[in-house]
């Protein structure tokens, strides 16, 4: 009998996380015969493939770059009626599969997921501040089970027929591919987020430099998704903040060039105030000066990275090859 659910795990040098991820899948409250595990390797050099095979997973090699292409390859080879996309640095609760599959049974629900939250412990101050400003901002108003407009691919259970109908993940997107997929899935059914169960996410950016690089990449693909999906208003802030940042920076330079100190000063102060928007939105203001400064630096890095991403996208669009 073919397995009902196919777990697909894209990997690139994930040896340090993969064993724990696979162990969490094996602990699912479900008949082991009802699912298969596929690890799609994207050219790892740390022994990821060998480890996956030794742990009983079916291993596929993906020659194309990116998690989107790896997930699509796994989906094409999957035998299940449901596709369970899981990132290697995530740990599933034992009830993950039976709970989310229940949402997909006998309804127009196209996909379901659970919130992925970092694990307290050996986190750097950058990781801690990121969680407090951005992760808590996304979770503070959530409770129970509800329909959403976007599901992350870190843990995602989806009806295979819907996945095939929308054409899978866009392999041109090396980030934000899950948002893009969600927008296409909404035309075929609802998306459900179950806040009653949680998925442990073991990794965030550990330094400001790593955060800067990650958010520049995410920002570029976020902009492409934004325009590809007809500029949905609920995602407008993620595009407005980089635009405002660049406008204020230009106003600051303009004021200095014209020796208009008041204009330059006002623009500079407004620029410094932008990260505070995210601190306020998080709903969790720290008590100490140190905690406030750390959160501000993380938010400022995010704002600066997204502005750089916008500049790079505009420069790319200006090139003849992109016209």
Protein backbone atom coordinates (compact mmCIF):
# COMPACT_ATOMS: atom_id res chain seq x y z
CA UNK A 1 0.00 0.00 0.00
CA UNK A 2 1.34 3.42 -0.93
CA UNK A 3 2.04 5.77 1.98
CA UNK A 4 -0.58 8.45 2.52
CA UNK A 5 1.85 11.20 3.50
CA UNK A 6 5.23 12.04 2.00
CA UNK A 7 7.60 14.07 4.16
CA UNK A 8 9.94 16.13 1.97
CA UNK A 9 13.00 17.70 3.61
CA UNK A 10 15.26 19.97 1.49
CA UNK A 11 18.85 19.93 2.73
CA UNK A 12 22.12 21.76 2.22
CA UNK A 13 24.78 20.96 4.84
CA UNK A 14 22.18 20.08 7.47
CA UNK A 15 24.00 17.23 9.24
CA UNK A 16 23.91 19.01 12.61
CA UNK A 17 20.10 19.26 12.52
CA UNK A 18 18.81 16.45 10.34
CA UNK A 19 18.98 13.58 12.83
CA UNK A 20 16.81 15.44 15.36
CA UNK A 21 14.36 16.41 12.63
CA UNK A 22 14.00 12.83 11.41
CA UNK A 23 13.61 11.61 14.99
CA UNK A 24 10.70 14.02 15.49
CA UNK A 25 9.04 12.64 12.34
CA UNK A 26 9.48 9.06 13.55
CA UNK A 27 7.70 10.00 16.80
CA UNK A 28 4.52 11.10 15.02
CA UNK A 29 1.32 9.70 16.49
CA UNK A 30 0.57 7.80 13.31
CA UNK A 31 1.18 4.40 11.77
CA UNK A 32 4.76 4.45 10.39
CA UNK A 33 3.46 2.60 7.35
CA UNK A 34 1.27 5.60 6.51
CA UNK A 35 4.14 7.90 5.56
CA UNK A 36 7.49 8.02 3.80
CA UNK A 37 10.46 10.34 4.33
CA UNK A 38 12.31 11.90 1.39
CA UNK A 39 15.47 13.94 1.91
CA UNK A 40 16.42 16.06 -1.10
CA UNK A 41 20.07 17.07 -0.97
CA UNK A 42 21.22 20.25 -2.71
CA UNK A 43 24.93 19.37 -2.91
CA UNK A 44 25.88 19.04 0.77
CA UNK A 45 29.53 18.53 1.66
CA UNK A 46 29.14 17.65 5.35
CA UNK A 47 27.82 14.11 5.08
CA UNK A 48 24.14 15.03 5.07
CA UNK A 49 23.30 12.50 2.34
CA UNK A 50 25.08 9.66 4.07
CA UNK A 51 23.45 10.44 7.41
CA UNK A 52 19.97 10.60 5.85
CA UNK A 53 20.44 7.25 4.14
CA UNK A 54 21.75 5.62 7.32
CA UNK A 55 18.64 6.78 9.16
CA UNK A 56 16.32 5.16 6.64
CA UNK A 57 15.28 8.17 4.58
CA UNK A 58 14.97 8.01 0.82
CA UNK A 59 17.65 10.34 -0.56
CA UNK A 60 17.36 12.31 -3.81
CA UNK A 61 20.03 14.55 -5.32
CA UNK A 62 18.97 17.94 -6.63
CA UNK A 63 21.26 19.61 -9.16
CA UNK A 64 19.30 22.86 -9.23
CA UNK A 65 19.97 25.59 -6.71
CA UNK A 66 17.54 26.37 -3.93
CA UNK A 67 15.02 24.87 -1.54
CA UNK A 68 12.12 25.49 -3.93
CA UNK A 69 13.65 23.24 -6.59
CA UNK A 70 14.47 20.61 -3.95
CA UNK A 71 10.90 20.58 -2.65
CA UNK A 72 9.50 20.31 -6.17
CA UNK A 73 11.78 17.36 -6.92
CA UNK A 74 10.69 15.63 -3.73
CA UNK A 75 7.03 16.28 -4.57
CA UNK A 76 7.43 14.76 -8.04
CA UNK A 77 8.89 11.59 -6.56
CA UNK A 78 6.45 11.44 -3.63
CA UNK A 79 3.95 8.60 -3.38
CA UNK A 80 1.65 10.18 -0.83
CA UNK A 81 -1.64 12.00 -1.35
CA UNK A 82 -0.45 14.62 1.14
CA UNK A 83 2.89 16.42 1.02
CA UNK A 84 4.56 17.37 4.30
CA UNK A 85 7.32 19.91 3.69
CA UNK A 86 9.61 20.23 6.71
CA UNK A 87 12.88 22.13 7.10
CA UNK A 88 15.80 20.17 8.55
CA UNK A 89 16.21 22.62 11.44
CA UNK A 90 12.65 22.09 12.69
CA UNK A 91 11.32 19.59 15.23
CA UNK A 92 7.71 18.47 14.92
CA UNK A 93 5.47 17.82 17.89
CA UNK A 94 4.21 14.18 17.98
CA UNK A 95 0.67 15.39 17.23
CA UNK A 96 1.73 17.44 14.20
CA UNK A 97 0.67 14.97 11.50
CA UNK A 98 -2.65 13.77 12.94
CA UNK A 99 -3.64 17.32 13.91
CA UNK A 100 -2.89 19.00 10.59
CA UNK A 101 -4.16 16.11 8.46
CA UNK A 102 -7.45 16.46 10.33
CA UNK A 103 -7.78 20.01 8.99
CA UNK A 104 -7.38 18.74 5.42
CA UNK A 105 -9.92 15.94 5.67
CA UNK A 106 -13.25 16.56 3.99
CA UNK A 107 -12.89 20.31 3.51
CA UNK A 108 -11.64 22.92 1.05
CA UNK A 109 -8.53 23.48 3.12
CA UNK A 110 -5.57 23.36 0.74
CA UNK A 111 -2.79 23.45 3.31
CA UNK A 112 -2.16 23.64 7.04
CA UNK A 113 0.79 24.47 9.27
CA UNK A 114 1.79 25.18 12.86
CA UNK A 115 3.77 28.17 14.16
CA UNK A 116 7.53 27.62 14.15
CA UNK A 117 9.08 29.13 17.27
CA UNK A 118 12.74 29.26 18.36
CA UNK A 119 13.90 27.13 21.27
CA UNK A 120 15.16 29.10 24.29
CA UNK A 121 18.63 28.17 25.40
CA UNK A 122 21.88 28.72 23.55
CA UNK A 123 20.68 31.70 21.51
CA UNK A 124 22.90 34.70 20.85
CA UNK A 125 21.60 38.14 21.78
CA UNK A 126 20.85 38.74 18.07
CA UNK A 127 18.66 35.63 17.91
CA UNK A 128 16.93 36.57 21.17
CA UNK A 129 16.25 40.12 20.04
CA UNK A 130 14.98 38.90 16.65
CA UNK A 131 12.50 36.60 18.35
CA UNK A 132 11.32 39.33 20.70
CA UNK A 133 10.81 41.91 17.97
CA UNK A 134 9.67 39.90 14.94
CA UNK A 135 8.53 36.44 16.00
CA UNK A 136 6.54 37.71 18.99
CA UNK A 137 5.03 40.40 16.76
CA UNK A 138 3.63 37.71 14.48
CA UNK A 139 2.30 35.54 17.31
CA UNK A 140 1.00 37.86 19.99
CA UNK A 141 -2.55 38.09 18.60
CA UNK A 142 -2.88 34.46 17.58
CA UNK A 143 -4.76 31.72 19.38
CA UNK A 144 -6.54 28.55 18.35
CA UNK A 145 -7.13 27.62 14.72
CA UNK A 146 -7.65 30.27 12.09
CA UNK A 147 -7.48 30.95 8.37
CA UNK A 148 -4.48 32.96 7.18
CA UNK A 149 -3.16 34.44 3.94
CA UNK A 150 0.32 32.96 4.15
CA UNK A 151 1.94 29.77 5.49
CA UNK A 152 5.67 29.20 5.92
CA UNK A 153 7.26 26.19 4.28
CA UNK A 154 9.28 25.32 7.40
CA UNK A 155 6.42 22.96 8.26
CA UNK A 156 3.62 22.68 5.75
CA UNK A 157 1.08 19.94 5.07
CA UNK A 158 -0.57 20.32 1.70
CA UNK A 159 -2.93 18.35 -0.51
CA UNK A 160 -0.79 17.03 -3.35
CA UNK A 161 -3.44 17.64 -6.01
CA UNK A 162 -3.64 21.33 -5.05
CA UNK A 163 0.15 21.58 -5.09
CA UNK A 164 0.25 20.14 -8.59
CA UNK A 165 -2.58 22.37 -9.83
CA UNK A 166 -0.77 25.58 -8.84
CA UNK A 167 2.53 24.35 -10.31
CA UNK A 168 4.47 23.86 -7.08
CA UNK A 169 7.09 26.27 -5.79
CA UNK A 170 8.48 28.95 -8.09
CA UNK A 171 12.09 27.81 -8.56
CA UNK A 172 13.19 31.30 -9.62
CA UNK A 173 12.61 32.43 -6.02
CA UNK A 174 15.45 31.50 -3.68
CA UNK A 175 13.52 33.01 -0.76
CA UNK A 176 9.88 33.90 -0.05
CA UNK A 177 8.82 31.00 -2.26
CA UNK A 178 6.38 29.90 0.44
CA UNK A 179 4.58 33.25 0.36
CA UNK A 180 4.28 33.01 -3.41
CA UNK A 181 2.91 29.46 -3.19
CA UNK A 182 0.41 30.55 -0.54
CA UNK A 183 -1.03 33.26 -2.79
CA UNK A 184 -1.66 30.74 -5.56
CA UNK A 185 -3.10 28.16 -3.17
CA UNK A 186 -5.66 30.69 -1.90
CA UNK A 187 -7.40 30.43 -5.27
CA UNK A 188 -8.04 26.73 -4.64
CA UNK A 189 -8.80 26.57 -0.92
CA UNK A 190 -8.18 28.00 2.51
CA UNK A 191 -4.92 28.03 4.48
CA UNK A 192 -5.10 27.01 8.14
CA UNK A 193 -2.66 27.83 10.93
CA UNK A 194 -3.12 25.75 14.09
CA UNK A 195 -1.70 27.62 17.06
CA UNK A 196 -2.53 24.78 19.44
CA UNK A 197 0.62 22.90 18.43
CA UNK A 198 4.08 24.34 17.96
CA UNK A 199 7.12 23.45 15.88
CA UNK A 200 10.56 24.05 17.38
CA UNK A 201 12.81 26.08 15.08
CA UNK A 202 16.46 25.51 15.98
CA UNK A 203 18.16 28.25 13.98
CA UNK A 204 18.02 32.01 13.46
CA UNK A 205 20.70 34.50 12.39
CA UNK A 206 23.34 34.51 15.12
CA UNK A 207 25.11 37.78 14.28
CA UNK A 208 24.13 41.16 12.85
CA UNK A 209 26.23 40.42 9.76
CA UNK A 210 24.41 37.15 9.14
CA UNK A 211 21.07 38.87 9.72
CA UNK A 212 22.02 41.62 7.26
CA UNK A 213 22.94 39.13 4.52
CA UNK A 214 19.82 37.04 5.10
CA UNK A 215 17.44 39.98 5.03
CA UNK A 216 18.99 41.50 1.91
CA UNK A 217 18.29 38.22 0.11
CA UNK A 218 14.82 37.89 1.60
CA UNK A 219 14.05 41.50 0.83
CA UNK A 220 14.87 41.14 -2.85
CA UNK A 221 12.69 38.09 -3.31
CA UNK A 222 9.98 39.61 -1.11
CA UNK A 223 9.77 42.55 -3.53
CA UNK A 224 9.52 40.19 -6.50
CA UNK A 225 6.71 38.28 -4.78
CA UNK A 226 4.96 41.52 -3.89
CA UNK A 227 4.73 42.65 -7.51
CA UNK A 228 4.17 39.17 -8.91
CA UNK A 229 1.07 38.82 -6.74
CA UNK A 230 -0.37 42.20 -7.73
CA UNK A 231 0.78 44.25 -4.75
CA UNK A 232 -1.54 42.93 -2.04
CA UNK A 233 -2.30 45.71 0.45
CA UNK A 234 -1.68 43.53 3.52
CA UNK A 235 1.97 43.24 2.45
CA UNK A 236 2.36 46.94 1.72
CA UNK A 237 4.39 47.75 4.85
CA UNK A 238 7.23 45.43 3.87
CA UNK A 239 7.61 47.48 0.67
CA UNK A 240 6.90 50.92 2.13
CA UNK A 241 9.54 50.80 4.87
CA UNK A 242 12.49 50.36 2.44
CA UNK A 243 11.08 53.13 0.23
CA UNK A 244 10.68 55.48 3.19
CA UNK A 245 14.19 54.61 4.39
CA UNK A 246 15.73 55.51 1.03
CA UNK A 247 13.64 58.69 0.78
CA UNK A 248 14.79 59.88 4.20
CA UNK A 249 18.40 59.04 3.40
CA UNK A 250 18.14 61.02 0.15
CA UNK A 251 16.54 63.95 2.03
CA UNK A 252 19.41 63.89 4.51
CA UNK A 253 22.00 64.06 1.73
CA UNK A 254 19.96 66.71 -0.07
CA UNK A 255 19.86 68.87 3.05
CA UNK A 256 23.60 68.53 3.57
CA UNK A 257 24.35 69.35 -0.06
CA UNK A 258 22.25 72.52 0.11
CA UNK A 259 23.57 73.36 3.56
CA UNK A 260 20.06 73.10 4.96
CA UNK A 261 20.87 71.79 8.42
CA UNK A 262 17.27 71.66 9.61
CA UNK A 263 16.19 69.45 6.71
CA UNK A 264 19.17 67.14 7.12
CA UNK A 265 18.66 66.90 10.88
CA UNK A 266 14.93 66.17 10.60
CA UNK A 267 15.51 63.50 7.95
CA UNK A 268 18.29 61.91 10.01
CA UNK A 269 16.19 61.80 13.17
CA UNK A 270 13.28 60.31 11.22
CA UNK A 271 15.65 57.71 9.82
CA UNK A 272 16.76 56.76 13.32
CA UNK A 273 13.13 56.49 14.42
CA UNK A 274 12.10 53.98 11.74
CA UNK A 275 13.27 50.86 13.63
CA UNK A 276 11.16 51.94 16.60
CA UNK A 277 8.07 51.14 14.51
CA UNK A 278 8.94 47.44 14.79
CA UNK A 279 9.69 47.69 18.50
CA UNK A 280 6.26 49.21 19.11
CA UNK A 281 4.53 46.65 16.88
CA UNK A 282 6.10 43.78 18.82
CA UNK A 283 4.09 44.82 21.88
CA UNK A 284 7.00 43.84 24.14
CA UNK A 285 9.11 46.79 25.24
CA UNK A 286 12.11 45.73 27.36
CA UNK A 287 12.70 47.18 30.81
CA UNK A 288 16.47 47.65 30.64
CA UNK A 289 18.52 49.92 28.41
CA UNK A 290 20.65 46.99 27.20
CA UNK A 291 17.65 44.99 26.02
CA UNK A 292 16.19 48.05 24.31
CA UNK A 293 19.47 48.76 22.51
CA UNK A 294 19.80 45.15 21.34
CA UNK A 295 16.29 45.09 19.93
CA UNK A 296 16.83 48.46 18.29
CA UNK A 297 20.04 47.26 16.61
CA UNK A 298 18.31 44.16 15.24
CA UNK A 299 15.36 46.21 13.95
CA UNK A 300 17.74 48.78 12.44
CA UNK A 301 19.70 46.03 10.70
CA UNK A 302 16.45 44.67 9.27
CA UNK A 303 15.41 48.13 8.00
CA UNK A 304 18.84 48.80 6.47
CA UNK A 305 18.95 45.37 4.81
CA UNK A 306 15.54 45.80 3.24
CA UNK A 307 16.57 49.23 1.91
CA UNK A 308 19.73 47.73 0.37
CA UNK A 309 17.57 44.99 -1.15
CA UNK A 310 15.35 47.60 -2.81
CA UNK A 311 18.38 49.43 -4.23
CA UNK A 312 19.81 46.22 -5.65
CA UNK A 313 16.50 45.29 -7.24
CA UNK A 314 16.18 48.71 -8.83
CA UNK A 315 19.73 48.51 -10.18
CA UNK A 316 19.02 45.05 -11.55
CA UNK A 317 15.86 46.25 -13.26
CA UNK A 318 17.83 49.08 -14.85
CA UNK A 319 20.19 46.66 -16.54
CA UNK A 320 19.42 45.87 -20.19
CA UNK A 321 19.39 42.14 -19.50
CA UNK A 322 16.49 42.52 -17.05
CA UNK A 323 14.33 44.75 -19.25
